Amino acid sequence: MTINMTPATAAGRSLLTVVFATALALGAGPSAAGAPDDGWKGEGGLTLSSADNAKVDGYAERVERAEPSISVDVRAAALASGAEMVGFDHRLKTPDSLKRKVATSLKEHPGQNVDTVLRGVGDAVRYTLQWPDGAYTDGVSTASTQLSAWANDSTKWSNTWGRDSGYKGLNTGWRAPGYGQLFEVQFHTPASKHAQEVTHLLYEEQRLPSTTPARKAELQAQQNAAFAAVPVPPGADRLAGPVPLPVPVPVPAKN
C-alpha cells in the first residue's frame, strides 16, 4: 500500500526526525530516562558525585602504575628478614573499598574535598609481613631498616603491642621514592594476623556512619576479646621506627 504525503506532512515528519535524532544525541529519550550517572553509591548511604568518582578512578590508575616498583622493595625486605608475605595477591585496595573509604571521610569531615582525602590515603597499596613470635622483633627491625635504606620514607609507625585492649600489631606507613606513592606495611605474628582477619568484618561495620553508638560499643567489645588472646612477642612493644640515615655533607673541593 502506498501512502501519499502532502508537502506539509513530509515537512512535519522531517522535523520530528531531526528532533528525535537530536534528543538521542543528547542522551534523552525513553532509553536514557533511567540511565544512572557516573557517580558511586555504597552501603550505609555513602555516595560520591560523578566528578569525585572520576578522581578516585584516576587515583586508582596511578596507584597501579606505582605498585610494581614498591612490591620489589617490600618483597626484598621480606626475603632479607625471613618474613612470610601474607595476602600478597590482595596488595591493591579494590576500587569499591577505596571509594567507600573516601566517601566515609567526606561524610565525616564535610569541609574536606576529594583531593585532600586522596592525598592522605596510606593503604591503597598494602602488604603484610609475618614472623613466628620468637623471630618477630628482629624480623621487624631488619625489614624496616631495609625499606628505609632504599629511600622509602617512614610516614607512620603505629605500634599497639603494648595497649591494654583492642588491636595488636604494628602498622607502618611509607612514601616510595620516584612516584611518591604512600603504602602500608603491617608486621604481624600468626596469632595477631588471625585475630585481625576474624575481626575484619566487625571493624568494617563499626566504621560505617550508619552504625549506632551502642552497636559500635558491642563491636569493639568483640574485637577486644579476640585480640586479648594474642601473645605479645618479646620486645615487640618497644619497637620504634627506623632512624633516617644521615645525609652526607659535601666536602669542599680543595684549590
C-alpha atoms as a PDB file:
ATOM      1  CA  MET A   1       0.000   0.000   0.000  1.00  0.00           C
ATOM      2  CA  THR A   2       1.356   3.382  -0.968  1.00  0.00           C
ATOM      3  CA  ILE A   3       0.855   6.395   1.306  1.00  0.00           C
ATOM      4  CA  ASN A   4       0.866   9.747  -0.431  1.00  0.00           C
ATOM      5  CA  MET A   5       2.139  12.536   1.841  1.00  0.00           C
ATOM      6  CA  THR A   6       1.376  16.177   1.263  1.00  0.00           C
ATOM      7  CA  PRO A   7       4.311  18.609   1.395  1.00  0.00           C
ATOM      8  CA  ALA A   8       3.162  19.714   4.856  1.00  0.00           C
ATOM      9  CA  THR A   9       3.076  16.116   6.106  1.00  0.00           C
ATOM     10  CA  ALA A  10       6.550  15.417   4.727  1.00  0.00           C
ATOM     11  CA  ALA A  11       7.929  18.569   6.311  1.00  0.00           C
ATOM     12  CA  GLY A  12       6.439  17.623   9.650  1.00  0.00           C
ATOM     13  CA  ARG A  13       7.934  14.140   9.507  1.00  0.00           C
ATOM     14  CA  SER A  14      11.350  15.566   8.677  1.00  0.00           C
ATOM     15  CA  LEU A  15      11.140  17.960  11.619  1.00  0.00           C
ATOM     16  CA  LEU A  16      10.219  15.122  14.011  1.00  0.00           C
ATOM     17  CA  THR A  17      13.128  13.057  12.718  1.00  0.00           C
ATOM     18  CA  VAL A  18      15.573  15.888  13.386  1.00  0.00           C
ATOM     19  CA  VAL A  19      14.176  16.483  16.882  1.00  0.00           C
ATOM     20  CA  PHE A  20      14.320  12.770  17.765  1.00  0.00           C
ATOM     21  CA  ALA A  21      17.882  12.420  16.483  1.00  0.00           C
ATOM     22  CA  THR A  22      18.976  15.468  18.474  1.00  0.00           C
ATOM     23  CA  ALA A  23      17.363  14.080  21.611  1.00  0.00           C
ATOM     24  CA  LEU A  24      19.198  10.776  21.235  1.00  0.00           C
ATOM     25  CA  ALA A  25      22.495  12.598  20.735  1.00  0.00           C
ATOM     26  CA  LEU A  26      21.944  14.488  23.980  1.00  0.00           C
ATOM     27  CA  GLY A  27      21.092  11.308  25.879  1.00  0.00           C
ATOM     28  CA  ALA A  28      17.356  11.937  26.102  1.00  0.00           C
ATOM     29  CA  GLY A  29      14.548   9.626  25.048  1.00  0.00           C
ATOM     30  CA  PRO A  30      12.972   6.638  26.749  1.00  0.00           C
ATOM     31  CA  SER A  31      16.138   4.540  26.880  1.00  0.00           C
ATOM     32  CA  ALA A  32      18.130   7.280  28.618  1.00  0.00           C
ATOM     33  CA  ALA A  33      15.496   8.403  31.080  1.00  0.00           C
ATOM     34  CA  GLY A  34      16.518   5.914  33.768  1.00  0.00           C
ATOM     35  CA  ALA A  35      20.224   5.751  32.965  1.00  0.00           C
ATOM     36  CA  PRO A  36      22.471   6.279  36.039  1.00  0.00           C
ATOM     37  CA  ASP A  37      25.136   8.980  36.124  1.00  0.00           C
ATOM     38  CA  ASP A  38      28.810   8.224  36.729  1.00  0.00           C
ATOM     39  CA  GLY A  39      28.602   8.637  40.498  1.00  0.00           C
ATOM     40  CA  TRP A  40      29.026   5.892  43.096  1.00  0.00           C
ATOM     41  CA  LYS A  41      26.668   4.565  45.752  1.00  0.00           C
ATOM     42  CA  GLY A  42      27.617   2.268  48.607  1.00  0.00           C
ATOM     43  CA  GLU A  43      26.071   0.821  51.728  1.00  0.00           C
ATOM     44  CA  GLY A  44      25.204   2.993  54.679  1.00  0.00           C
ATOM     45  CA  GLY A  45      24.133   5.909  52.491  1.00  0.00           C
ATOM     46  CA  LEU A  46      27.658   6.577  51.215  1.00  0.00           C
ATOM     47  CA  THR A  47      27.869   8.316  47.828  1.00  0.00           C
ATOM     48  CA  LEU A  48      30.351  10.009  45.519  1.00  0.00           C
ATOM     49  CA  SER A  49      29.431  12.538  42.875  1.00  0.00           C
ATOM     50  CA  SER A  50      30.329  11.909  39.249  1.00  0.00           C
ATOM     51  CA  ALA A  51      33.309  14.274  39.459  1.00  0.00           C
ATOM     52  CA  ASP A  52      34.611  12.795  42.737  1.00  0.00           C
ATOM     53  CA  ASN A  53      34.134   9.254  41.462  1.00  0.00           C
ATOM     54  CA  ALA A  54      36.215  10.066  38.375  1.00  0.00           C
ATOM     55  CA  LYS A  55      39.014  11.461  40.557  1.00  0.00           C
ATOM     56  CA  VAL A  56      39.098   8.288  42.654  1.00  0.00           C
ATOM     57  CA  ASP A  57      39.261   6.194  39.464  1.00  0.00           C
ATOM     58  CA  GLY A  58      42.192   8.294  38.244  1.00  0.00           C
ATOM     59  CA  TYR A  59      43.951   7.880  41.585  1.00  0.00           C
ATOM     60  CA  ALA A  60      43.471   4.098  41.432  1.00  0.00           C
ATOM     61  CA  GLU A  61      45.128   4.036  37.995  1.00  0.00           C
ATOM     62  CA  ARG A  62      48.147   5.941  39.321  1.00  0.00           C
ATOM     63  CA  VAL A  63      48.422   3.508  42.224  1.00  0.00           C
ATOM     64  CA  GLU A  64      48.513   0.569  39.803  1.00  0.00           C
ATOM     65  CA  ARG A  65      51.401   2.158  37.932  1.00  0.00           C
ATOM     66  CA  ALA A  66      53.381   2.729  41.127  1.00  0.00           C
ATOM     67  CA  GLU A  67      52.749  -0.694  42.712  1.00  0.00           C
ATOM     68  CA  PRO A  68      55.286  -2.885  40.817  1.00  0.00           C
ATOM     69  CA  SER A  69      58.345  -0.943  41.993  1.00  0.00           C
ATOM     70  CA  ILE A  70      57.016  -0.779  45.570  1.00  0.00           C
ATOM     71  CA  SER A  71      56.439  -4.531  45.571  1.00  0.00           C
ATOM     72  CA  VAL A  72      60.063  -5.143  44.562  1.00  0.00           C
ATOM     73  CA  ASP A  73      61.297  -3.343  47.701  1.00  0.00           C
ATOM     74  CA  VAL A  74      58.814  -4.982  50.072  1.00  0.00           C
ATOM     75  CA  ARG A  75      59.456  -8.485  48.740  1.00  0.00           C
ATOM     76  CA  ALA A  76      63.206  -7.938  49.037  1.00  0.00           C
ATOM     77  CA  ALA A  77      62.785  -6.722  52.641  1.00  0.00           C
ATOM     78  CA  ALA A  78      60.691  -9.802  53.405  1.00  0.00           C
ATOM     79  CA  LEU A  79      63.389 -12.073  51.974  1.00  0.00           C
ATOM     80  CA  ALA A  80      66.172 -10.314  53.898  1.00  0.00           C
ATOM     81  CA  SER A  81      64.289 -10.596  57.197  1.00  0.00           C
ATOM     82  CA  GLY A  82      62.972 -14.140  56.780  1.00  0.00           C
ATOM     83  CA  ALA A  83      59.342 -12.963  56.699  1.00  0.00           C
ATOM     84  CA  GLU A  84      56.367 -14.703  55.181  1.00  0.00           C
ATOM     85  CA  MET A  85      54.340 -12.430  52.919  1.00  0.00           C
ATOM     86  CA  VAL A  86      50.642 -12.887  53.657  1.00  0.00           C
ATOM     87  CA  GLY A  87      47.898 -11.929  51.202  1.00  0.00           C
ATOM     88  CA  PHE A  88      50.224 -10.571  48.520  1.00  0.00           C
ATOM     89  CA  ASP A  89      47.532 -11.060  45.857  1.00  0.00           C
ATOM     90  CA  HIS A  90      45.380  -8.512  47.709  1.00  0.00           C
ATOM     91  CA  ARG A  91      48.048  -5.801  47.940  1.00  0.00           C
ATOM     92  CA  LEU A  92      45.888  -3.329  45.967  1.00  0.00           C
ATOM     93  CA  LYS A  93      42.795  -1.950  47.664  1.00  0.00           C
ATOM     94  CA  THR A  94      39.777  -2.660  45.446  1.00  0.00           C
ATOM     95  CA  PRO A  95      38.159   0.346  43.728  1.00  0.00           C
ATOM     96  CA  ASP A  96      34.955  -0.193  45.714  1.00  0.00           C
ATOM     97  CA  SER A  97      36.850  -0.304  49.023  1.00  0.00           C
ATOM     98  CA  LEU A  98      38.809   2.796  48.067  1.00  0.00           C
ATOM     99  CA  LYS A  99      35.610   4.665  47.199  1.00  0.00           C
ATOM    100  CA  ARG A 100      33.986   3.591  50.460  1.00  0.00           C
ATOM    101  CA  LYS A 101      36.994   4.941  52.369  1.00  0.00           C
ATOM    102  CA  VAL A 102      36.915   8.275  50.520  1.00  0.00           C
ATOM    103  CA  ALA A 103      33.137   8.651  50.805  1.00  0.00           C
ATOM    104  CA  THR A 104      33.260   7.904  54.539  1.00  0.00           C
ATOM    105  CA  SER A 105      35.915  10.550  55.090  1.00  0.00           C
ATOM    106  CA  LEU A 106      33.959  13.131  53.087  1.00  0.00           C
ATOM    107  CA  LYS A 107      30.823  12.398  55.096  1.00  0.00           C
ATOM    108  CA  GLU A 108      32.610  12.569  58.454  1.00  0.00           C
ATOM    109  CA  HIS A 109      34.519  15.746  57.504  1.00  0.00           C
ATOM    110  CA  PRO A 110      32.255  17.902  55.301  1.00  0.00           C
ATOM    111  CA  GLY A 111      34.927  20.599  54.925  1.00  0.00           C
ATOM    112  CA  GLN A 112      37.266  18.254  53.055  1.00  0.00           C
ATOM    113  CA  ASN A 113      37.381  17.772  49.313  1.00  0.00           C
ATOM    114  CA  VAL A 114      38.234  14.586  47.454  1.00  0.00           C
ATOM    115  CA  ASP A 115      41.753  15.740  46.533  1.00  0.00           C
ATOM    116  CA  THR A 116      42.643  16.292  50.196  1.00  0.00           C
ATOM    117  CA  VAL A 117      41.276  12.873  51.154  1.00  0.00           C
ATOM    118  CA  LEU A 118      43.169  11.063  48.403  1.00  0.00           C
ATOM    119  CA  ARG A 119      46.464  12.705  49.400  1.00  0.00           C
ATOM    120  CA  GLY A 120      46.043  11.169  52.844  1.00  0.00           C
ATOM    121  CA  VAL A 121      45.145   7.605  51.763  1.00  0.00           C
ATOM    122  CA  GLY A 122      48.010   5.498  53.051  1.00  0.00           C
ATOM    123  CA  ASP A 123      46.820   1.957  52.320  1.00  0.00           C
ATOM    124  CA  ALA A 124      45.793   1.888  48.664  1.00  0.00           C
ATOM    125  CA  VAL A 125      48.850  -0.386  48.365  1.00  0.00           C
ATOM    126  CA  ARG A 126      49.347  -2.554  51.434  1.00  0.00           C
ATOM    127  CA  TYR A 127      51.391  -5.575  52.480  1.00  0.00           C
ATOM    128  CA  THR A 128      51.619  -7.914  55.461  1.00  0.00           C
ATOM    129  CA  LEU A 129      54.887  -9.437  56.683  1.00  0.00           C
ATOM    130  CA  GLN A 130      54.669 -12.183  59.298  1.00  0.00           C
ATOM    131  CA  TRP A 131      57.130 -13.970  61.582  1.00  0.00           C
ATOM    132  CA  PRO A 132      56.820 -16.519  64.412  1.00  0.00           C
ATOM    133  CA  ASP A 133      56.816 -14.925  67.867  1.00  0.00           C
ATOM    134  CA  GLY A 134      60.486 -15.695  68.524  1.00  0.00           C
ATOM    135  CA  ALA A 135      61.700 -14.136  65.278  1.00  0.00           C
ATOM    136  CA  TYR A 136      59.285 -11.211  65.222  1.00  0.00           C
ATOM    137  CA  THR A 137      61.262  -8.383  66.836  1.00  0.00           C
ATOM    138  CA  ASP A 138      64.489  -8.976  64.907  1.00  0.00           C
ATOM    139  CA  GLY A 139      62.493  -9.503  61.712  1.00  0.00           C
ATOM    140  CA  VAL A 140      60.672  -6.182  62.013  1.00  0.00           C
ATOM    141  CA  SER A 141      63.926  -4.338  62.721  1.00  0.00           C
ATOM    142  CA  THR A 142      65.621  -5.842  59.679  1.00  0.00           C
ATOM    143  CA  ALA A 143      62.712  -5.291  57.295  1.00  0.00           C
ATOM    144  CA  SER A 144      62.069  -1.697  58.337  1.00  0.00           C
ATOM    145  CA  THR A 145      65.769  -0.833  58.193  1.00  0.00           C
ATOM    146  CA  GLN A 146      65.995  -2.215  54.665  1.00  0.00           C
ATOM    147  CA  LEU A 147      62.947  -0.292  53.461  1.00  0.00           C
ATOM    148  CA  SER A 148      64.377   2.918  54.892  1.00  0.00           C
ATOM    149  CA  ALA A 149      67.806   2.278  53.377  1.00  0.00           C
ATOM    150  CA  TRP A 150      66.180   2.005  49.952  1.00  0.00           C
ATOM    151  CA  ALA A 151      64.864   5.586  50.247  1.00  0.00           C
ATOM    152  CA  ASN A 152      61.334   4.720  51.361  1.00  0.00           C
ATOM    153  CA  ASP A 153      60.399   7.478  53.819  1.00  0.00           C
ATOM    154  CA  SER A 154      58.744   6.366  57.060  1.00  0.00           C
ATOM    155  CA  THR A 155      55.451   8.302  57.414  1.00  0.00           C
ATOM    156  CA  LYS A 156      53.662   6.288  60.110  1.00  0.00           C
ATOM    157  CA  TRP A 157      54.681   3.928  62.920  1.00  0.00           C
ATOM    158  CA  SER A 158      51.696   2.696  64.935  1.00  0.00           C
ATOM    159  CA  ASN A 159      52.856   0.130  67.495  1.00  0.00           C
ATOM    160  CA  THR A 160      49.888  -1.166  69.501  1.00  0.00           C
ATOM    161  CA  TRP A 161      51.521  -4.231  71.037  1.00  0.00           C
ATOM    162  CA  GLY A 162      51.637  -2.565  74.436  1.00  0.00           C
ATOM    163  CA  ARG A 163      47.997  -1.470  74.646  1.00  0.00           C
ATOM    164  CA  ASP A 164      45.645  -2.977  77.218  1.00  0.00           C
ATOM    165  CA  SER A 165      42.817  -3.768  74.799  1.00  0.00           C
ATOM    166  CA  GLY A 166      41.918  -3.720  71.136  1.00  0.00           C
ATOM    167  CA  TYR A 167      44.052  -4.274  68.039  1.00  0.00           C
ATOM    168  CA  LYS A 168      47.544  -5.693  68.488  1.00  0.00           C
ATOM    169  CA  GLY A 169      50.145  -5.366  65.793  1.00  0.00           C
ATOM    170  CA  LEU A 170      52.447  -2.907  64.085  1.00  0.00           C
ATOM    171  CA  ASN A 171      51.088  -0.829  61.201  1.00  0.00           C
ATOM    172  CA  THR A 172      53.609   1.276  59.324  1.00  0.00           C
ATOM    173  CA  GLY A 173      53.291   3.807  56.530  1.00  0.00           C
ATOM    174  CA  TRP A 174      55.848   4.676  53.862  1.00  0.00           C
ATOM    175  CA  ARG A 175      56.334   7.005  50.899  1.00  0.00           C
ATOM    176  CA  ALA A 176      58.014   5.376  47.920  1.00  0.00           C
ATOM    177  CA  PRO A 177      60.783   7.179  46.031  1.00  0.00           C
ATOM    178  CA  GLY A 178      60.094   8.164  42.466  1.00  0.00           C
ATOM    179  CA  TYR A 179      56.298   8.012  42.378  1.00  0.00           C
ATOM    180  CA  GLY A 180      55.891   9.409  45.885  1.00  0.00           C
ATOM    181  CA  GLN A 181      53.095   6.888  46.436  1.00  0.00           C
ATOM    182  CA  LEU A 182      52.080   6.147  50.022  1.00  0.00           C
ATOM    183  CA  PHE A 183      51.891   2.470  51.013  1.00  0.00           C
ATOM    184  CA  GLU A 184      51.320   0.446  54.161  1.00  0.00           C
ATOM    185  CA  VAL A 185      53.223  -2.488  55.637  1.00  0.00           C
ATOM    186  CA  GLN A 186      51.720  -4.391  58.550  1.00  0.00           C
ATOM    187  CA  PHE A 187      54.029  -6.506  60.716  1.00  0.00           C
ATOM    188  CA  HIS A 188      52.264  -9.465  62.345  1.00  0.00           C
ATOM    189  CA  THR A 189      52.644 -12.813  64.061  1.00  0.00           C
ATOM    190  CA  PRO A 190      50.372 -15.706  63.023  1.00  0.00           C
ATOM    191  CA  ALA A 191      48.182 -15.105  66.095  1.00  0.00           C
ATOM    192  CA  SER A 192      47.790 -11.346  65.587  1.00  0.00           C
ATOM    193  CA  LYS A 193      47.083 -11.802  61.875  1.00  0.00           C
ATOM    194  CA  HIS A 194      44.413 -14.389  62.650  1.00  0.00           C
ATOM    195  CA  ALA A 195      42.755 -12.026  65.136  1.00  0.00           C
ATOM    196  CA  GLN A 196      42.794  -9.260  62.528  1.00  0.00           C
ATOM    197  CA  GLU A 197      41.110 -11.499  59.976  1.00  0.00           C
ATOM    198  CA  VAL A 198      38.340 -12.701  62.282  1.00  0.00           C
ATOM    199  CA  THR A 199      37.560  -9.136  63.394  1.00  0.00           C
ATOM    200  CA  HIS A 200      37.738  -7.511  59.955  1.00  0.00           C
ATOM    201  CA  LEU A 201      34.010  -7.520  59.268  1.00  0.00           C
ATOM    202  CA  LEU A 202      33.350  -6.222  62.780  1.00  0.00           C
ATOM    203  CA  TYR A 203      35.747  -3.350  62.140  1.00  0.00           C
ATOM    204  CA  GLU A 204      34.164  -2.519  58.777  1.00  0.00           C
ATOM    205  CA  GLU A 205      30.685  -2.396  60.304  1.00  0.00           C
ATOM    206  CA  GLN A 206      31.962  -0.276  63.175  1.00  0.00           C
ATOM    207  CA  ARG A 207      33.300   2.356  60.742  1.00  0.00           C
ATOM    208  CA  LEU A 208      30.042   2.811  58.842  1.00  0.00           C
ATOM    209  CA  PRO A 209      28.449   6.218  59.550  1.00  0.00           C
ATOM    210  CA  SER A 210      25.086   4.474  59.917  1.00  0.00           C
ATOM    211  CA  THR A 211      26.258   2.244  62.806  1.00  0.00           C
ATOM    212  CA  THR A 212      24.726   3.358  66.115  1.00  0.00           C
ATOM    213  CA  PRO A 213      26.938   4.147  69.150  1.00  0.00           C
ATOM    214  CA  ALA A 214      25.516   1.161  71.029  1.00  0.00           C
ATOM    215  CA  ARG A 215      26.337  -1.184  68.168  1.00  0.00           C
ATOM    216  CA  LYS A 216      29.826   0.309  67.846  1.00  0.00           C
ATOM    217  CA  ALA A 217      30.484  -0.417  71.516  1.00  0.00           C
ATOM    218  CA  GLU A 218      29.288  -4.002  71.063  1.00  0.00           C
ATOM    219  CA  LEU A 219      31.536  -4.472  68.023  1.00  0.00           C
ATOM    220  CA  GLN A 220      34.529  -3.052  69.879  1.00  0.00           C
ATOM    221  CA  ALA A 221      33.974  -5.440  72.786  1.00  0.00           C
ATOM    222  CA  GLN A 222      34.041  -8.397  70.386  1.00  0.00           C
ATOM    223  CA  GLN A 223      37.281  -7.158  68.836  1.00  0.00           C
ATOM    224  CA  ASN A 224      38.838  -6.656  72.254  1.00  0.00           C
ATOM    225  CA  ALA A 225      38.056 -10.255  73.178  1.00  0.00           C
ATOM    226  CA  ALA A 226      39.727 -11.592  70.026  1.00  0.00           C
ATOM    227  CA  PHE A 227      42.947  -9.600  70.479  1.00  0.00           C
ATOM    228  CA  ALA A 228      43.147 -10.321  74.220  1.00  0.00           C
ATOM    229  CA  ALA A 229      44.141 -13.883  73.329  1.00  0.00           C
ATOM    230  CA  VAL A 230      47.126 -12.763  71.193  1.00  0.00           C
ATOM    231  CA  PRO A 231      50.551 -13.261  72.860  1.00  0.00           C
ATOM    232  CA  VAL A 232      52.953 -10.298  72.737  1.00  0.00           C
ATOM    233  CA  PRO A 233      56.329 -11.286  71.184  1.00  0.00           C
ATOM    234  CA  PRO A 234      59.370 -10.452  73.363  1.00  0.00           C
ATOM    235  CA  GLY A 235      60.310  -6.802  72.848  1.00  0.00           C
ATOM    236  CA  ALA A 236      57.531  -6.096  70.356  1.00  0.00           C
ATOM    237  CA  ASP A 237      56.032  -3.288  72.441  1.00  0.00           C
ATOM    238  CA  ARG A 238      59.368  -1.425  72.358  1.00  0.00           C
ATOM    239  CA  LEU A 239      59.895  -1.493  68.598  1.00  0.00           C
ATOM    240  CA  ALA A 240      60.472   2.009  67.231  1.00  0.00           C
ATOM    241  CA  GLY A 241      60.568   3.368  63.718  1.00  0.00           C
ATOM    242  CA  PRO A 242      63.730   3.395  61.620  1.00  0.00           C
ATOM    243  CA  VAL A 243      66.164   6.247  62.141  1.00  0.00           C
ATOM    244  CA  PRO A 244      66.733   8.094  58.843  1.00  0.00           C
ATOM    245  CA  LEU A 245      70.265   7.755  57.542  1.00  0.00           C
ATOM    246  CA  PRO A 246      72.275  10.979  57.781  1.00  0.00           C
ATOM    247  CA  VAL A 247      72.646  12.938  54.556  1.00  0.00           C
ATOM    248  CA  PRO A 248      76.330  13.128  53.598  1.00  0.00           C
ATOM    249  CA  VAL A 249      77.757  16.633  53.867  1.00  0.00           C
ATOM    250  CA  PRO A 250      79.609  17.654  50.681  1.00  0.00           C
ATOM    251  CA  VAL A 251      83.330  18.157  51.199  1.00  0.00           C
ATOM    252  CA  PRO A 252      84.506  21.446  49.693  1.00  0.00           C
ATOM    253  CA  ALA A 253      86.940  20.970  46.864  1.00  0.00           C
ATOM    254  CA  LYS A 254      90.471  21.957  47.600  1.00  0.00           C
ATOM    255  CA  ASN A 255      92.041  24.602  45.383  1.00  0.00           C
END
